[in-house]
Protein backbone atom coordinates (compact mmCIF):
# COMPACT_ATOMS: atom_id res chain seq x y z
CA UNK A 1 14.02 -6.96 -9.84
CA UNK A 2 14.48 -5.48 -6.36
CA UNK A 3 11.70 -3.49 -4.69
CA UNK A 4 13.68 -0.26 -5.02
CA UNK A 5 14.04 -0.87 -8.76
CA UNK A 6 10.33 -1.65 -9.08
CA UNK A 7 9.46 1.57 -7.28
CA UNK A 8 11.86 3.60 -9.44
CA UNK A 9 10.54 2.20 -12.73
CA UNK A 10 6.91 2.60 -11.68
CA UNK A 11 7.45 6.21 -10.64
CA UNK A 12 9.03 6.94 -14.03
CA UNK A 13 5.66 6.04 -15.57
CA UNK A 14 3.69 7.97 -12.94
CA UNK A 15 2.72 5.08 -10.67
CA UNK A 16 3.32 4.96 -6.93
CA UNK A 17 4.33 1.66 -5.31
CA UNK A 18 2.15 1.18 -2.22
CA UNK A 19 3.38 -2.30 -1.31
CA UNK A 20 4.06 -5.85 -2.46
CA UNK A 21 1.25 -8.33 -1.83
CA UNK A 22 2.30 -11.34 0.20
CA UNK A 23 0.92 -14.89 -0.07
CA UNK A 24 -2.86 -14.94 0.15
CA UNK A 25 -5.94 -15.89 -1.82
CA UNK A 26 -5.57 -13.53 -4.80
CA UNK A 27 -5.86 -14.99 -8.28
CA UNK A 28 -2.20 -15.72 -9.18
CA UNK A 29 -0.66 -13.34 -11.70
CA UNK A 30 -0.11 -16.25 -14.10
CA UNK A 31 -3.83 -17.00 -13.94
CA UNK A 32 -4.81 -13.39 -14.59
CA UNK A 33 -2.70 -13.30 -17.77
CA UNK A 34 -5.10 -15.90 -19.24
CA UNK A 35 -7.85 -13.25 -19.48
CA UNK A 36 -7.06 -12.91 -23.21
CA UNK A 37 -8.21 -16.50 -23.71
CA UNK A 38 -11.60 -16.18 -22.01
CA UNK A 39 -14.89 -16.26 -23.89
CA UNK A 40 -17.38 -13.44 -24.46
CA UNK A 41 -20.05 -15.46 -22.67
CA UNK A 42 -17.75 -15.43 -19.62
CA UNK A 43 -17.87 -11.63 -19.59
CA UNK A 44 -14.76 -10.84 -21.62
CA UNK A 45 -14.91 -7.56 -23.52
CA UNK A 46 -12.52 -4.71 -24.19
CA UNK A 47 -11.15 -1.90 -26.31
CA UNK A 48 -8.89 -2.01 -29.36
CA UNK A 49 -6.66 0.97 -30.19
CA UNK A 50 -5.61 0.65 -33.82
CA UNK A 51 -2.02 1.12 -34.93
CA UNK A 52 -3.02 3.75 -37.50
CA UNK A 53 -4.39 6.05 -34.76
CA UNK A 54 -2.37 9.29 -35.22
CA UNK A 55 -2.19 9.66 -31.42
CA UNK A 56 -1.64 5.94 -30.80
CA UNK A 57 -0.07 5.89 -27.32
CA UNK A 58 -2.12 8.78 -25.92
CA UNK A 59 -5.27 7.06 -27.19
CA UNK A 60 -4.15 3.85 -25.47
CA UNK A 61 -3.64 5.74 -22.20
CA UNK A 62 -7.09 7.35 -22.46
CA UNK A 63 -8.82 4.09 -23.37
CA UNK A 64 -7.08 2.30 -20.49
CA UNK A 65 -8.11 4.92 -17.94
CA UNK A 66 -11.76 5.05 -18.98
CA UNK A 67 -12.06 1.27 -19.07
CA UNK A 68 -10.35 0.96 -15.67
CA UNK A 69 -12.55 3.66 -14.15
CA UNK A 70 -15.79 2.35 -15.64
CA UNK A 71 -15.15 -1.26 -14.62
CA UNK A 72 -13.96 -0.60 -11.05
CA UNK A 73 -10.21 -1.23 -11.16
CA UNK A 74 -9.53 1.50 -8.56
CA UNK A 75 -10.54 1.12 -4.92
CA UNK A 76 -11.65 4.00 -2.68
CA UNK A 77 -8.01 5.04 -2.26
CA UNK A 78 -7.28 4.82 -5.99
CA UNK A 79 -5.18 1.68 -5.52
CA UNK A 80 -5.08 -1.46 -7.67
CA UNK A 81 -2.85 -4.48 -8.30
CA UNK A 82 -0.22 -4.72 -11.05
CA UNK A 83 1.90 -7.76 -11.94
CA UNK A 84 5.58 -6.84 -11.54
CA UNK A 85 8.78 -8.90 -11.78
CA UNK A 86 9.76 -10.87 -8.70
CA UNK A 87 8.37 -13.31 -6.17
CA UNK A 88 9.40 -16.81 -5.09
CA UNK A 89 11.34 -19.06 -7.45
CA UNK A 90 14.22 -18.54 -9.82
CA UNK A 91 12.37 -18.09 -13.13
CA UNK A 92 13.24 -14.85 -14.89
CA UNK A 93 9.60 -14.51 -15.98
CA UNK A 94 8.23 -14.82 -12.42
CA UNK A 95 5.76 -12.08 -11.43
CA UNK A 96 4.00 -11.01 -8.25
CA UNK A 97 1.22 -8.60 -7.36
CA UNK A 98 2.20 -5.07 -6.35
CA UNK A 99 -0.30 -2.61 -4.91
CA UNK A 100 0.02 0.67 -6.84
CA UNK A 101 -1.77 3.99 -7.45
CA UNK A 102 -1.59 6.71 -10.07
CA UNK A 103 0.33 9.92 -9.49
CA UNK A 104 -1.04 13.25 -10.75
CA UNK A 105 0.86 12.78 -14.01
CA UNK A 106 1.15 9.29 -15.50
CA UNK A 107 1.87 7.59 -18.82
CA UNK A 108 1.59 3.80 -18.85
CA UNK A 109 2.12 3.08 -22.54
CA UNK A 110 5.45 4.85 -22.90
CA UNK A 111 8.62 3.66 -21.20
CA UNK A 112 10.36 6.38 -19.24
CA UNK A 113 13.16 4.25 -17.80
CA UNK A 114 15.58 1.67 -19.15
CA UNK A 115 13.84 -1.17 -17.32
CA UNK A 116 10.28 0.01 -17.87
CA UNK A 117 9.69 -2.71 -20.44
CA UNK A 118 10.14 -5.35 -17.74
CA UNK A 119 6.87 -4.16 -16.17
CA UNK A 120 4.74 -2.89 -19.04
CA UNK A 121 6.40 -4.38 -22.12
CA UNK A 122 8.27 -2.51 -24.89
CA UNK A 123 6.91 0.91 -25.80
CA UNK A 124 3.96 0.47 -28.15
CA UNK A 125 3.91 -3.30 -27.47
CA UNK A 126 2.38 -3.61 -23.99
CA UNK A 127 2.10 -6.90 -22.14
CA UNK A 128 0.81 -6.47 -18.59
CA UNK A 129 -2.06 -7.39 -16.31
CA UNK A 130 -3.84 -5.52 -13.52
CA UNK A 131 -6.52 -6.50 -11.03
CA UNK A 132 -8.75 -4.71 -8.55
CA UNK A 133 -7.74 -5.05 -4.89
CA UNK A 134 -10.87 -7.09 -4.16
CA UNK A 135 -10.16 -9.42 -7.09
CA UNK A 136 -13.43 -8.70 -8.91
CA UNK A 137 -11.95 -7.26 -12.11
CA UNK A 138 -8.94 -8.07 -14.32
CA UNK A 139 -7.57 -5.71 -16.97
CA UNK A 140 -5.10 -7.20 -19.43
CA UNK A 141 -3.11 -5.31 -22.08
CA UNK A 142 -1.61 -7.04 -25.10
CA UNK A 143 -0.80 -6.50 -28.78
CA UNK A 144 -2.84 -8.18 -31.50
CA UNK A 145 -1.26 -9.61 -34.62
CA UNK A 146 -1.82 -6.43 -36.64
CA UNK A 147 0.02 -4.25 -34.11
CA UNK A 148 -3.10 -2.80 -32.49
CA UNK A 149 -3.21 -2.55 -28.70
CA UNK A 150 -5.86 -4.71 -27.09
CA UNK A 151 -7.29 -3.92 -23.65
CA UNK A 152 -9.16 -6.95 -22.35
CA UNK A 153 -11.62 -6.50 -19.48
CA UNK A 154 -12.76 -9.47 -17.41
CA UNK A 155 -15.22 -8.94 -14.55
CA UNK A 156 -15.58 -11.52 -11.77
CA UNK A 157 -12.63 -13.77 -12.69
CA UNK A 158 -13.53 -16.01 -9.74
CA UNK A 159 -16.58 -17.14 -11.68
CA UNK A 160 -14.89 -17.58 -15.07
CA UNK A 161 -14.57 -21.22 -16.07
CA UNK A 162 -11.59 -20.74 -18.39
CA UNK A 163 -9.58 -19.17 -15.54
CA UNK A 164 -10.54 -21.74 -12.90
CA UNK A 165 -9.85 -24.66 -15.25
CA UNK A 166 -6.40 -23.32 -16.09
CA UNK A 167 -5.47 -22.61 -12.47
CA UNK A 168 -6.68 -26.07 -11.44
CA UNK A 169 -4.70 -27.82 -14.16
CA UNK A 170 -1.55 -25.88 -13.36
CA UNK A 171 -1.98 -26.39 -9.61
CA UNK A 172 -2.11 -30.19 -9.89
CA UNK A 173 0.61 -30.47 -12.53
CA UNK A 174 3.76 -31.95 -10.87
CA UNK A 175 5.92 -29.91 -13.27
CA UNK A 176 4.57 -26.66 -11.82
CA UNK A 177 6.87 -25.09 -9.18
CA UNK A 178 5.63 -25.78 -5.62
CA UNK A 179 5.03 -22.11 -4.79
CA UNK A 180 2.84 -21.71 -7.89
CA UNK A 181 0.87 -24.85 -7.00
CA UNK A 182 0.33 -23.40 -3.53
CA UNK A 183 -0.83 -20.08 -4.97
CA UNK A 184 -3.29 -21.83 -7.23
CA UNK A 185 -4.68 -24.12 -4.54
CA UNK A 186 -5.11 -21.19 -2.14
CA UNK A 187 -7.19 -19.36 -4.72
CA UNK A 188 -9.17 -22.44 -5.73
CA UNK A 189 -10.04 -23.25 -2.10
CA UNK A 190 -11.11 -19.72 -1.18
CA UNK A 191 -14.84 -18.86 -0.95
CA UNK A 192 -16.79 -17.64 -3.96
CA UNK A 193 -15.31 -19.84 -6.67
CA UNK A 194 -17.41 -21.84 -9.13
CA UNK A 195 -17.86 -25.53 -8.49
CA UNK A 196 -14.94 -27.68 -9.62
CA UNK A 197 -14.70 -27.39 -13.42
CA UNK A 198 -15.10 -30.29 -15.78
CA UNK A 199 -12.06 -31.60 -17.68
CA UNK A 200 -10.85 -29.23 -20.36
CA UNK A 201 -11.33 -30.44 -23.95
CA UNK A 202 -8.07 -30.63 -25.87
CA UNK A 203 -6.77 -31.00 -29.40
CA UNK A 204 -8.89 -31.07 -32.54
CA UNK A 205 -12.17 -31.36 -30.59
CA UNK A 206 -11.81 -27.86 -29.12
CA UNK A 207 -10.16 -25.36 -31.50
CA UNK A 208 -8.90 -25.58 -35.05
CA UNK A 209 -6.98 -23.02 -37.09
CA UNK A 210 -7.91 -22.01 -40.61
CA UNK A 211 -6.57 -19.66 -43.26
CA UNK A 212 -9.46 -17.69 -44.74
CA UNK A 213 -9.14 -15.95 -48.12
CA UNK A 214 -11.01 -12.86 -49.28
CA UNK A 215 -11.07 -11.29 -52.70
CA UNK A 216 -9.73 -7.76 -52.31
CA UNK A 217 -12.53 -5.27 -51.56
CA UNK A 218 -14.93 -8.12 -50.76
CA UNK A 219 -16.58 -8.64 -47.36
CA UNK A 220 -17.27 -12.34 -47.92
CA UNK A 221 -14.71 -15.15 -47.74
CA UNK A 222 -14.23 -17.18 -50.90
CA UNK A 223 -12.28 -20.05 -49.36
CA UNK A 224 -10.70 -21.51 -46.25
CA UNK A 225 -8.07 -24.14 -45.48
CA UNK A 226 -7.56 -26.01 -42.21
CA UNK A 227 -3.92 -25.57 -41.08
CA UNK A 228 -4.31 -27.11 -37.60
CA UNK A 229 -1.74 -29.77 -38.46
CA UNK A 230 0.94 -27.06 -38.45
CA UNK A 231 0.48 -26.88 -34.67
CA UNK A 232 -0.42 -24.04 -32.33
CA UNK A 233 3.20 -23.31 -31.37
CA UNK A 234 4.32 -22.90 -34.99
CA UNK A 235 1.28 -20.78 -35.88
CA UNK A 236 1.78 -18.57 -32.81
CA UNK A 237 5.42 -18.11 -33.78
CA UNK A 238 4.32 -17.22 -37.31
CA UNK A 239 2.16 -14.30 -36.13
CA UNK A 240 4.53 -13.37 -33.30
CA UNK A 241 2.43 -13.94 -30.16
CA UNK A 242 2.47 -16.44 -27.28
CA UNK A 243 0.57 -19.64 -28.06
CA UNK A 244 -1.82 -19.01 -25.16
CA UNK A 245 -3.00 -15.81 -26.92
CA UNK A 246 -3.71 -17.39 -30.32
CA UNK A 247 -7.48 -16.89 -30.11
CA UNK A 248 -8.15 -13.98 -32.44
CA UNK A 249 -8.03 -13.23 -36.18
CA UNK A 250 -4.71 -12.20 -37.74
CA UNK A 251 -3.95 -10.68 -41.15
CA UNK A 252 -1.13 -12.57 -42.88
CA UNK A 253 1.64 -10.58 -44.53
CA UNK A 254 3.54 -11.62 -47.63
CA UNK A 255 6.44 -12.85 -45.49
CA UNK A 256 4.14 -14.85 -43.20
CA UNK A 257 2.41 -16.44 -46.18
CA UNK A 258 5.79 -17.34 -47.67
CA UNK A 259 6.71 -19.06 -44.41
CA UNK A 260 3.37 -20.87 -44.36
CA UNK A 261 3.95 -21.98 -47.96
CA UNK A 262 7.30 -23.49 -46.96
CA UNK A 263 5.63 -25.40 -44.12
CA UNK A 264 2.47 -26.57 -45.88
CA UNK A 265 3.06 -26.26 -49.62
CA UNK A 266 -0.05 -24.09 -49.92
CA UNK A 267 -0.04 -21.38 -52.60
CA UNK A 268 -1.38 -17.85 -52.12
CA UNK A 269 -2.30 -15.20 -54.68
CA UNK A 270 -1.63 -11.80 -53.11
CA UNK A 271 -2.44 -9.99 -56.34
CA UNK A 272 -6.14 -10.71 -55.92
CA UNK A 273 -6.65 -11.95 -52.34
CA UNK A 274 -6.09 -11.11 -48.69
CA UNK A 275 -5.50 -13.89 -46.16
CA UNK A 276 -6.24 -14.21 -42.47
CA UNK A 277 -5.41 -16.81 -39.83
CA UNK A 278 -8.43 -17.50 -37.65
CA UNK A 279 -9.21 -19.79 -34.74
CA UNK A 280 -12.50 -21.68 -34.96
CA UNK A 281 -14.57 -23.32 -32.24
CA UNK A 282 -15.38 -27.02 -32.25
CA UNK A 283 -18.00 -28.17 -34.70
CA UNK A 284 -16.90 -25.59 -37.28
CA UNK A 285 -18.86 -22.75 -35.70
CA UNK A 286 -17.15 -19.38 -36.03
CA UNK A 287 -17.18 -17.31 -32.92
CA UNK A 288 -19.44 -14.27 -32.64
CA UNK A 289 -17.72 -10.97 -33.33
CA UNK A 290 -18.15 -8.53 -30.47
CA UNK A 291 -15.74 -5.62 -30.50
CA UNK A 292 -15.13 -2.60 -28.35
CA UNK A 293 -13.72 0.09 -30.64
CA UNK A 294 -11.94 3.18 -29.40
CA UNK A 295 -14.20 6.19 -29.91
CA UNK A 296 -12.10 9.15 -28.84
CA UNK A 297 -11.41 8.50 -25.15
CA UNK A 298 -14.37 6.18 -24.63
CA UNK A 299 -15.27 2.67 -25.71
CA UNK A 300 -18.35 2.02 -27.79
CA UNK A 301 -19.71 -1.48 -28.22
CA UNK A 302 -20.55 -2.90 -31.62
CA UNK A 303 -21.80 -6.35 -32.61
CA UNK A 304 -21.39 -7.20 -36.25
CA UNK A 305 -20.10 -9.69 -38.75
CA UNK A 306 -17.99 -9.00 -41.79
CA UNK A 307 -14.47 -8.78 -43.16
CA UNK A 308 -11.69 -9.45 -40.60
CA UNK A 309 -10.40 -5.91 -41.15
CA UNK A 310 -13.53 -4.87 -39.27
CA UNK A 311 -13.23 -7.57 -36.64
CA UNK A 312 -9.59 -7.39 -35.57
CA UNK A 313 -9.34 -7.14 -31.82
CA UNK A 314 -12.78 -8.67 -31.29
CA UNK A 315 -13.66 -10.57 -28.15
CA UNK A 316 -13.50 -14.23 -29.10
CA UNK A 317 -14.37 -17.53 -27.50
CA UNK A 318 -12.08 -19.77 -25.51
CA UNK A 319 -8.55 -20.99 -25.85
CA UNK A 320 -6.84 -23.89 -24.17
CA UNK A 321 -3.83 -22.58 -22.23
CA UNK A 322 -0.83 -24.86 -22.10
CA UNK A 323 0.43 -26.33 -18.85
CA UNK A 324 4.15 -25.84 -19.46
């Protein structure tokens, strides 16, 4: 996308293009997208706007603004960074940082131009990432498996192990394009980063995937089945999200359960049960449920355990991003 096109599509959503960031020591856009896979103990938190909200997109706009304002996304001039199409290389999915600001009237979660989805994602299904100019805060928007909009906040990404591990792995991978390796190494070698991370655990020793069953109207599970052998790519495809984002809890529809039955031979009784796909940390320990729920225009933090209907959109512990 050319700069003029970027400017036109941003202005249609009420954002002003202030400039395109050149090579430097910013966290690469592809590293910032990994915020959804960071752990609560690394500072990840956020807001979930549920699909059944009668003012769904307006609520998403309000929640985004209050989270951005509270966490320091805007600098003294009201500017921040947004990943937009473009940059070195020939990959269609390539993104770069653009410096932007809000106009007097703005609407991020609706598309007001034909190409708006290339920046923010399809209307009602956002996929974008923003960062403060000084690099101290990342704000990621995505869609959870139940159609709710998730706004993931990550302070101090320079000190987040999941981010630094991923950038390091990608930067030393010979399959990574040279300009991306350079971006990663520039960020890793800049001051303020954590000490070099330890090797990332992989495979069955890090995360497994289980299907958990609940009797209808019950808050306690009555069974679970390990489906890790299906593979993260197939499970991500089943719930309709990128594999790198498969770190939450997802309700399984009748069609999804039918597909899982064809793959695994497992049987499911939808007349009496509800089923959820859940990622689980090593050692069989479920992750703590910490959710930011939309409360009007503001977020309100809750910590609780219970039925996944209550926990959808929760902040969950780590994922292992792929290198390809």
